[in-house]
Amino acid sequence: MRDKKYYFSDKNQNTISEDQLVGKKIDDLEYFFTDYQIKKSDANERIFIMKKSLLGLFKLKLHLYLTEDTVYDYAIQI
């Protein structure tokens, strides 16, 4: 289990933590991820690149797994 917890902010300074993502509609979360590059976007999964390091070789990615536009699980991994 990771010790670090990630938080996301929108332009209005509203903040959401990673453990609050599950159960939210993707349309309600889009404003929290406008600053991140989208790697994959389809009906079942969205992948956002949160951070690049070592000349872009390593990327910290947020995977959102969706069912009917609702997040049912997520993963943050390199």
N, C-alpha and C. Protein backbone atom coordinates (compact mmCIF):
# COMPACT_ATOMS: atom_id res chain seq x y z
N MET A 1 0.84 -1.18 0.00
CA MET A 1 0.00 0.00 0.00
C MET A 1 0.88 1.24 0.00
N ARG A 2 0.49 2.22 -0.78
CA ARG A 2 1.24 3.47 -0.84
C ARG A 2 0.98 4.31 0.40
N ASP A 3 1.99 5.06 0.80
CA ASP A 3 1.82 5.99 1.91
C ASP A 3 1.35 7.35 1.42
N LYS A 4 1.69 7.70 0.20
CA LYS A 4 1.35 9.01 -0.33
C LYS A 4 -0.07 9.01 -0.86
N LYS A 5 -0.80 10.06 -0.54
CA LYS A 5 -2.17 10.23 -1.04
C LYS A 5 -2.16 11.40 -2.01
N TYR A 6 -2.84 11.26 -3.12
CA TYR A 6 -2.88 12.31 -4.13
C TYR A 6 -4.17 13.10 -4.03
N TYR A 7 -4.03 14.40 -4.29
CA TYR A 7 -5.16 15.32 -4.29
C TYR A 7 -5.18 16.04 -5.63
N PHE A 8 -6.38 16.36 -6.11
CA PHE A 8 -6.55 17.04 -7.38
C PHE A 8 -7.40 18.28 -7.15
N SER A 9 -7.02 19.37 -7.82
CA SER A 9 -7.75 20.64 -7.68
C SER A 9 -8.24 21.12 -9.03
N ASP A 10 -9.38 21.79 -9.01
CA ASP A 10 -9.87 22.41 -10.24
C ASP A 10 -9.52 23.89 -10.22
N LYS A 11 -9.93 24.61 -11.22
CA LYS A 11 -9.58 26.03 -11.34
C LYS A 11 -10.22 26.89 -10.25
N ASN A 12 -11.29 26.41 -9.63
CA ASN A 12 -11.95 27.14 -8.55
C ASN A 12 -11.43 26.77 -7.17
N GLN A 13 -10.31 26.05 -7.13
CA GLN A 13 -9.66 25.61 -5.89
C GLN A 13 -10.47 24.57 -5.11
N ASN A 14 -11.43 23.91 -5.76
CA ASN A 14 -12.10 22.76 -5.14
C ASN A 14 -11.12 21.60 -5.19
N THR A 15 -11.05 20.82 -4.14
CA THR A 15 -10.09 19.73 -4.04
C THR A 15 -10.81 18.42 -3.80
N ILE A 16 -10.27 17.37 -4.43
CA ILE A 16 -10.79 16.02 -4.24
C ILE A 16 -9.59 15.09 -4.04
N SER A 17 -9.71 14.14 -3.14
CA SER A 17 -8.62 13.19 -2.92
C SER A 17 -8.86 11.95 -3.76
N GLU A 18 -7.82 11.17 -3.92
CA GLU A 18 -7.92 9.98 -4.78
C GLU A 18 -8.96 8.99 -4.28
N ASP A 19 -9.14 8.89 -2.98
CA ASP A 19 -10.12 7.93 -2.47
C ASP A 19 -11.56 8.40 -2.61
N GLN A 20 -11.76 9.64 -3.04
CA GLN A 20 -13.11 10.16 -3.31
C GLN A 20 -13.52 10.00 -4.77
N LEU A 21 -12.65 9.44 -5.60
CA LEU A 21 -12.94 9.30 -7.02
C LEU A 21 -13.99 8.23 -7.30
N VAL A 22 -13.96 7.15 -6.53
CA VAL A 22 -14.88 6.03 -6.77
C VAL A 22 -16.31 6.47 -6.49
N GLY A 23 -17.20 6.17 -7.44
CA GLY A 23 -18.61 6.52 -7.32
C GLY A 23 -18.98 7.84 -7.97
N LYS A 24 -17.99 8.61 -8.44
CA LYS A 24 -18.26 9.90 -9.08
C LYS A 24 -18.45 9.71 -10.58
N LYS A 25 -19.30 10.54 -11.16
CA LYS A 25 -19.48 10.57 -12.61
C LYS A 25 -18.26 11.22 -13.25
N ILE A 26 -17.82 10.71 -14.38
CA ILE A 26 -16.63 11.25 -15.04
C ILE A 26 -16.86 12.69 -15.47
N ASP A 27 -18.07 13.06 -15.83
CA ASP A 27 -18.36 14.45 -16.20
C ASP A 27 -18.13 15.40 -15.03
N ASP A 28 -18.36 14.94 -13.81
CA ASP A 28 -18.13 15.77 -12.63
C ASP A 28 -16.65 15.89 -12.29
N LEU A 29 -15.84 14.96 -12.78
CA LEU A 29 -14.42 14.95 -12.46
C LEU A 29 -13.54 15.60 -13.52
N GLU A 30 -14.06 15.81 -14.71
CA GLU A 30 -13.25 16.33 -15.82
C GLU A 30 -12.52 17.62 -15.46
N TYR A 31 -13.13 18.50 -14.68
CA TYR A 31 -12.51 19.78 -14.33
C TYR A 31 -11.29 19.61 -13.44
N PHE A 32 -11.17 18.50 -12.75
CA PHE A 32 -10.01 18.26 -11.90
C PHE A 32 -8.80 17.77 -12.69
N PHE A 33 -9.02 17.35 -13.93
CA PHE A 33 -7.94 16.77 -14.72
C PHE A 33 -7.64 17.56 -15.99
N THR A 34 -8.06 18.81 -16.08
CA THR A 34 -7.84 19.60 -17.29
C THR A 34 -6.37 19.90 -17.54
N ASP A 35 -5.55 19.91 -16.51
CA ASP A 35 -4.13 20.22 -16.67
C ASP A 35 -3.29 18.99 -17.02
N TYR A 36 -3.89 17.81 -17.02
CA TYR A 36 -3.15 16.57 -17.30
C TYR A 36 -3.38 16.13 -18.74
N GLN A 37 -2.33 15.60 -19.33
CA GLN A 37 -2.42 15.04 -20.67
C GLN A 37 -3.22 13.73 -20.61
N ILE A 38 -4.11 13.55 -21.56
CA ILE A 38 -4.89 12.31 -21.63
C ILE A 38 -4.15 11.33 -22.52
N LYS A 39 -3.88 10.15 -21.99
CA LYS A 39 -3.21 9.12 -22.79
C LYS A 39 -4.23 8.22 -23.47
N LYS A 40 -5.32 7.92 -22.78
CA LYS A 40 -6.34 7.05 -23.33
C LYS A 40 -7.71 7.52 -22.85
N SER A 41 -8.66 7.51 -23.76
CA SER A 41 -10.01 7.91 -23.39
C SER A 41 -10.99 7.05 -24.17
N ASP A 42 -11.68 6.18 -23.45
CA ASP A 42 -12.75 5.41 -24.08
C ASP A 42 -13.86 5.21 -23.06
N ALA A 43 -14.85 4.43 -23.39
CA ALA A 43 -16.02 4.28 -22.53
C ALA A 43 -15.72 3.56 -21.23
N ASN A 44 -14.66 2.76 -21.19
CA ASN A 44 -14.37 1.95 -20.00
C ASN A 44 -13.16 2.40 -19.19
N GLU A 45 -12.34 3.27 -19.76
CA GLU A 45 -11.11 3.65 -19.06
C GLU A 45 -10.63 5.02 -19.52
N ARG A 46 -10.11 5.79 -18.59
CA ARG A 46 -9.42 7.04 -18.89
C ARG A 46 -8.06 6.97 -18.22
N ILE A 47 -7.03 7.36 -18.95
CA ILE A 47 -5.68 7.39 -18.40
C ILE A 47 -5.16 8.81 -18.54
N PHE A 48 -4.77 9.39 -17.41
CA PHE A 48 -4.20 10.73 -17.37
C PHE A 48 -2.75 10.63 -16.93
N ILE A 49 -1.87 11.37 -17.61
CA ILE A 49 -0.47 11.41 -17.22
C ILE A 49 -0.31 12.53 -16.21
N MET A 50 0.05 12.16 -14.99
CA MET A 50 0.15 13.12 -13.90
C MET A 50 1.53 13.76 -13.82
N LYS A 51 2.57 13.00 -14.15
CA LYS A 51 3.93 13.51 -14.00
C LYS A 51 4.87 12.70 -14.89
N LYS A 52 5.81 13.42 -15.52
CA LYS A 52 6.85 12.77 -16.31
C LYS A 52 8.18 13.00 -15.63
N SER A 53 9.05 12.00 -15.68
CA SER A 53 10.38 12.17 -15.11
C SER A 53 11.41 11.45 -15.98
N LEU A 54 12.65 11.81 -15.79
CA LEU A 54 13.77 11.24 -16.52
C LEU A 54 13.53 11.30 -18.03
N LEU A 55 13.41 12.53 -18.52
CA LEU A 55 13.21 12.82 -19.94
C LEU A 55 11.96 12.15 -20.52
N GLY A 56 10.97 11.97 -19.70
CA GLY A 56 9.72 11.39 -20.17
C GLY A 56 9.69 9.87 -20.24
N LEU A 57 10.76 9.23 -19.80
CA LEU A 57 10.79 7.76 -19.84
C LEU A 57 9.85 7.15 -18.82
N PHE A 58 9.73 7.78 -17.65
CA PHE A 58 8.85 7.28 -16.61
C PHE A 58 7.69 8.24 -16.45
N LYS A 59 6.50 7.71 -16.42
CA LYS A 59 5.31 8.54 -16.31
C LYS A 59 4.44 8.02 -15.18
N LEU A 60 4.02 8.92 -14.31
CA LEU A 60 3.07 8.58 -13.26
C LEU A 60 1.68 8.76 -13.86
N LYS A 61 0.90 7.69 -13.88
CA LYS A 61 -0.40 7.72 -14.57
C LYS A 61 -1.53 7.41 -13.61
N LEU A 62 -2.62 8.08 -13.84
CA LEU A 62 -3.87 7.82 -13.12
C LEU A 62 -4.79 7.08 -14.07
N HIS A 63 -5.17 5.87 -13.70
CA HIS A 63 -6.10 5.06 -14.47
C HIS A 63 -7.46 5.14 -13.79
N LEU A 64 -8.47 5.59 -14.50
CA LEU A 64 -9.84 5.59 -14.00
C LEU A 64 -10.62 4.53 -14.77
N TYR A 65 -11.21 3.59 -14.05
CA TYR A 65 -11.99 2.53 -14.67
C TYR A 65 -13.46 2.87 -14.51
N LEU A 66 -14.18 2.85 -15.65
CA LEU A 66 -15.56 3.35 -15.68
C LEU A 66 -16.56 2.27 -16.04
N THR A 67 -17.75 2.44 -15.51
CA THR A 67 -18.91 1.69 -15.94
C THR A 67 -20.06 2.68 -15.99
N GLU A 68 -20.66 2.81 -17.17
CA GLU A 68 -21.75 3.76 -17.39
C GLU A 68 -21.38 5.16 -16.91
N ASP A 69 -20.17 5.61 -17.28
CA ASP A 69 -19.65 6.94 -16.95
C ASP A 69 -19.43 7.20 -15.47
N THR A 70 -19.38 6.15 -14.66
CA THR A 70 -19.12 6.28 -13.23
C THR A 70 -17.83 5.53 -12.90
N VAL A 71 -16.98 6.16 -12.10
CA VAL A 71 -15.72 5.54 -11.71
C VAL A 71 -16.01 4.44 -10.70
N TYR A 72 -15.59 3.21 -11.02
CA TYR A 72 -15.76 2.11 -10.07
C TYR A 72 -14.43 1.68 -9.46
N ASP A 73 -13.31 2.10 -10.06
CA ASP A 73 -12.00 1.78 -9.50
C ASP A 73 -10.97 2.73 -10.13
N TYR A 74 -9.82 2.81 -9.49
CA TYR A 74 -8.74 3.64 -10.03
C TYR A 74 -7.41 3.02 -9.64
N ALA A 75 -6.36 3.43 -10.32
CA ALA A 75 -5.01 3.01 -9.99
C ALA A 75 -4.06 4.15 -10.34
N ILE A 76 -3.06 4.34 -9.50
CA ILE A 76 -2.01 5.30 -9.77
C ILE A 76 -0.72 4.50 -9.83
N GLN A 77 -0.07 4.52 -11.01
CA GLN A 77 1.11 3.68 -11.20
C GLN A 77 2.06 4.28 -12.22
N ILE A 78 3.28 3.78 -12.20
CA ILE A 78 4.31 4.20 -13.16
C ILE A 78 4.23 3.31 -14.37
